[in-house]
Amino acid sequence: MLKITVEAFLSVPPCSGGVAVKRLLNRAQAEFGDQIEVVMHTGRDEAWAEYHINNAPALVVGDLVKFVGLAPSYESLVGALREAGLE
């Protein structure tokens, strides 16, 4: 089974968008279980530079930067997961 990695980039202190992203990812993990792997980057680290991310919150789904500077709707997140190969 293909496991899709979702990397979340969150600011410190957390903004309202980051809180919303955490809720979305918790909901997605509850629905899709071990089909997705969630990695949280809280505060700046080398991954921010690797993906050229300058605004939080941001989500990388698979290996593509999909959302920057906003918390997507749950439907948009699921669509991005499906584009990355989630069945």
C-alpha atoms as a PDB file:
ATOM      1  CA  MET A   1       0.000   0.000   0.000  1.00  0.00           C
ATOM      2  CA  LEU A   2       1.252   3.455  -0.918  1.00  0.00           C
ATOM      3  CA  LYS A   3       1.658   5.789   2.059  1.00  0.00           C
ATOM      4  CA  ILE A   4       1.285   9.494   1.269  1.00  0.00           C
ATOM      5  CA  THR A   5       3.431  11.887   3.283  1.00  0.00           C
ATOM      6  CA  VAL A   6       1.927  15.228   4.262  1.00  0.00           C
ATOM      7  CA  GLU A   7       4.320  17.803   5.673  1.00  0.00           C
ATOM      8  CA  ALA A   8       2.777  20.692   7.589  1.00  0.00           C
ATOM      9  CA  PHE A   9       4.742  23.905   8.125  1.00  0.00           C
ATOM     10  CA  LEU A  10       3.476  25.842  11.137  1.00  0.00           C
ATOM     11  CA  SER A  11       4.543  29.116  12.719  1.00  0.00           C
ATOM     12  CA  VAL A  12       5.622  29.784  16.297  1.00  0.00           C
ATOM     13  CA  PRO A  13       3.579  31.072  18.014  1.00  0.00           C
ATOM     14  CA  PRO A  14       0.754  29.250  16.255  1.00  0.00           C
ATOM     15  CA  CYS A  15      -1.611  31.294  14.110  1.00  0.00           C
ATOM     16  CA  SER A  16      -5.271  30.509  13.539  1.00  0.00           C
ATOM     17  CA  GLY A  17      -4.412  28.950  10.164  1.00  0.00           C
ATOM     18  CA  GLY A  18      -1.928  26.602  11.803  1.00  0.00           C
ATOM     19  CA  VAL A  19      -4.510  25.513  14.348  1.00  0.00           C
ATOM     20  CA  ALA A  20      -6.952  24.832  11.500  1.00  0.00           C
ATOM     21  CA  VAL A  21      -4.309  22.823   9.598  1.00  0.00           C
ATOM     22  CA  LYS A  22      -3.681  20.648  12.674  1.00  0.00           C
ATOM     23  CA  ARG A  23      -7.427  19.957  12.941  1.00  0.00           C
ATOM     24  CA  LEU A  24      -7.610  19.079   9.232  1.00  0.00           C
ATOM     25  CA  LEU A  25      -4.694  16.683   9.501  1.00  0.00           C
ATOM     26  CA  ASN A  26      -6.119  15.028  12.611  1.00  0.00           C
ATOM     27  CA  ARG A  27      -9.383  14.501  10.741  1.00  0.00           C
ATOM     28  CA  ALA A  28      -7.535  13.105   7.699  1.00  0.00           C
ATOM     29  CA  GLN A  29      -5.520  10.713   9.872  1.00  0.00           C
ATOM     30  CA  ALA A  30      -8.695   9.518  11.562  1.00  0.00           C
ATOM     31  CA  GLU A  31     -10.307   8.886   8.164  1.00  0.00           C
ATOM     32  CA  PHE A  32      -7.375   7.445   6.213  1.00  0.00           C
ATOM     33  CA  GLY A  33      -5.352   5.861   9.033  1.00  0.00           C
ATOM     34  CA  ASP A  34      -1.980   4.518   8.014  1.00  0.00           C
ATOM     35  CA  GLN A  35      -2.484   5.480   4.354  1.00  0.00           C
ATOM     36  CA  ILE A  36      -1.012   8.883   5.225  1.00  0.00           C
ATOM     37  CA  GLU A  37       1.971   9.955   7.288  1.00  0.00           C
ATOM     38  CA  VAL A  38       1.907  13.435   8.808  1.00  0.00           C
ATOM     39  CA  VAL A  39       5.134  15.309   9.573  1.00  0.00           C
ATOM     40  CA  MET A  40       4.883  18.602  11.463  1.00  0.00           C
ATOM     41  CA  HIS A  41       7.513  21.321  11.082  1.00  0.00           C
ATOM     42  CA  THR A  42       6.844  23.771  13.909  1.00  0.00           C
ATOM     43  CA  GLY A  43       9.028  26.823  13.516  1.00  0.00           C
ATOM     44  CA  ARG A  44      11.619  27.241  10.807  1.00  0.00           C
ATOM     45  CA  ASP A  45      13.975  24.395  10.002  1.00  0.00           C
ATOM     46  CA  GLU A  46      15.930  23.279   6.930  1.00  0.00           C
ATOM     47  CA  ALA A  47      12.799  21.831   5.301  1.00  0.00           C
ATOM     48  CA  TRP A  48      11.355  25.350   4.906  1.00  0.00           C
ATOM     49  CA  ALA A  49      14.325  26.296   2.714  1.00  0.00           C
ATOM     50  CA  GLU A  50      14.244  22.963   0.869  1.00  0.00           C
ATOM     51  CA  TYR A  51      10.687  23.647  -0.337  1.00  0.00           C
ATOM     52  CA  HIS A  52      11.166  27.452  -0.592  1.00  0.00           C
ATOM     53  CA  ILE A  53       8.313  28.076   1.838  1.00  0.00           C
ATOM     54  CA  ASN A  54       8.141  31.594   3.274  1.00  0.00           C
ATOM     55  CA  ASN A  55       4.612  31.707   4.743  1.00  0.00           C
ATOM     56  CA  ALA A  56       2.797  29.569   7.258  1.00  0.00           C
ATOM     57  CA  PRO A  57       0.756  27.535   7.334  1.00  0.00           C
ATOM     58  CA  ALA A  58       1.843  25.450   4.380  1.00  0.00           C
ATOM     59  CA  LEU A  59       1.250  21.871   3.291  1.00  0.00           C
ATOM     60  CA  VAL A  60       3.408  19.649   1.129  1.00  0.00           C
ATOM     61  CA  VAL A  61       1.489  16.608  -0.105  1.00  0.00           C
ATOM     62  CA  GLY A  62       3.658  13.857  -1.518  1.00  0.00           C
ATOM     63  CA  ASP A  63       6.520  15.868  -2.954  1.00  0.00           C
ATOM     64  CA  LEU A  64       4.520  18.907  -4.125  1.00  0.00           C
ATOM     65  CA  VAL A  65       3.919  22.163  -2.288  1.00  0.00           C
ATOM     66  CA  LYS A  66       0.124  22.363  -2.461  1.00  0.00           C
ATOM     67  CA  PHE A  67      -0.971  25.104  -0.032  1.00  0.00           C
ATOM     68  CA  VAL A  68       0.953  28.129   1.291  1.00  0.00           C
ATOM     69  CA  GLY A  69      -0.326  30.882   3.551  1.00  0.00           C
ATOM     70  CA  LEU A  70      -3.740  29.363   4.190  1.00  0.00           C
ATOM     71  CA  ALA A  71      -5.559  26.435   5.689  1.00  0.00           C
ATOM     72  CA  PRO A  72      -7.326  24.589   2.861  1.00  0.00           C
ATOM     73  CA  SER A  73     -10.810  23.161   3.098  1.00  0.00           C
ATOM     74  CA  TYR A  74     -11.010  19.497   4.005  1.00  0.00           C
ATOM     75  CA  GLU A  75     -12.246  18.737   0.486  1.00  0.00           C
ATOM     76  CA  SER A  76      -9.201  20.473  -1.028  1.00  0.00           C
ATOM     77  CA  LEU A  77      -6.871  18.479   1.223  1.00  0.00           C
ATOM     78  CA  VAL A  78      -8.545  15.203   0.250  1.00  0.00           C
ATOM     79  CA  GLY A  79      -8.296  16.218  -3.425  1.00  0.00           C
ATOM     80  CA  ALA A  80      -4.561  16.851  -3.020  1.00  0.00           C
ATOM     81  CA  LEU A  81      -4.155  13.466  -1.305  1.00  0.00           C
ATOM     82  CA  ARG A  82      -6.003  11.759  -4.166  1.00  0.00           C
ATOM     83  CA  GLU A  83      -3.792  13.548  -6.720  1.00  0.00           C
ATOM     84  CA  ALA A  84      -0.797  12.161  -4.834  1.00  0.00           C
ATOM     85  CA  GLY A  85      -2.157   8.616  -5.184  1.00  0.00           C
ATOM     86  CA  LEU A  86      -4.435   8.027  -2.205  1.00  0.00           C
ATOM     87  CA  GLU A  87      -7.136   5.481  -3.016  1.00  0.00           C
END
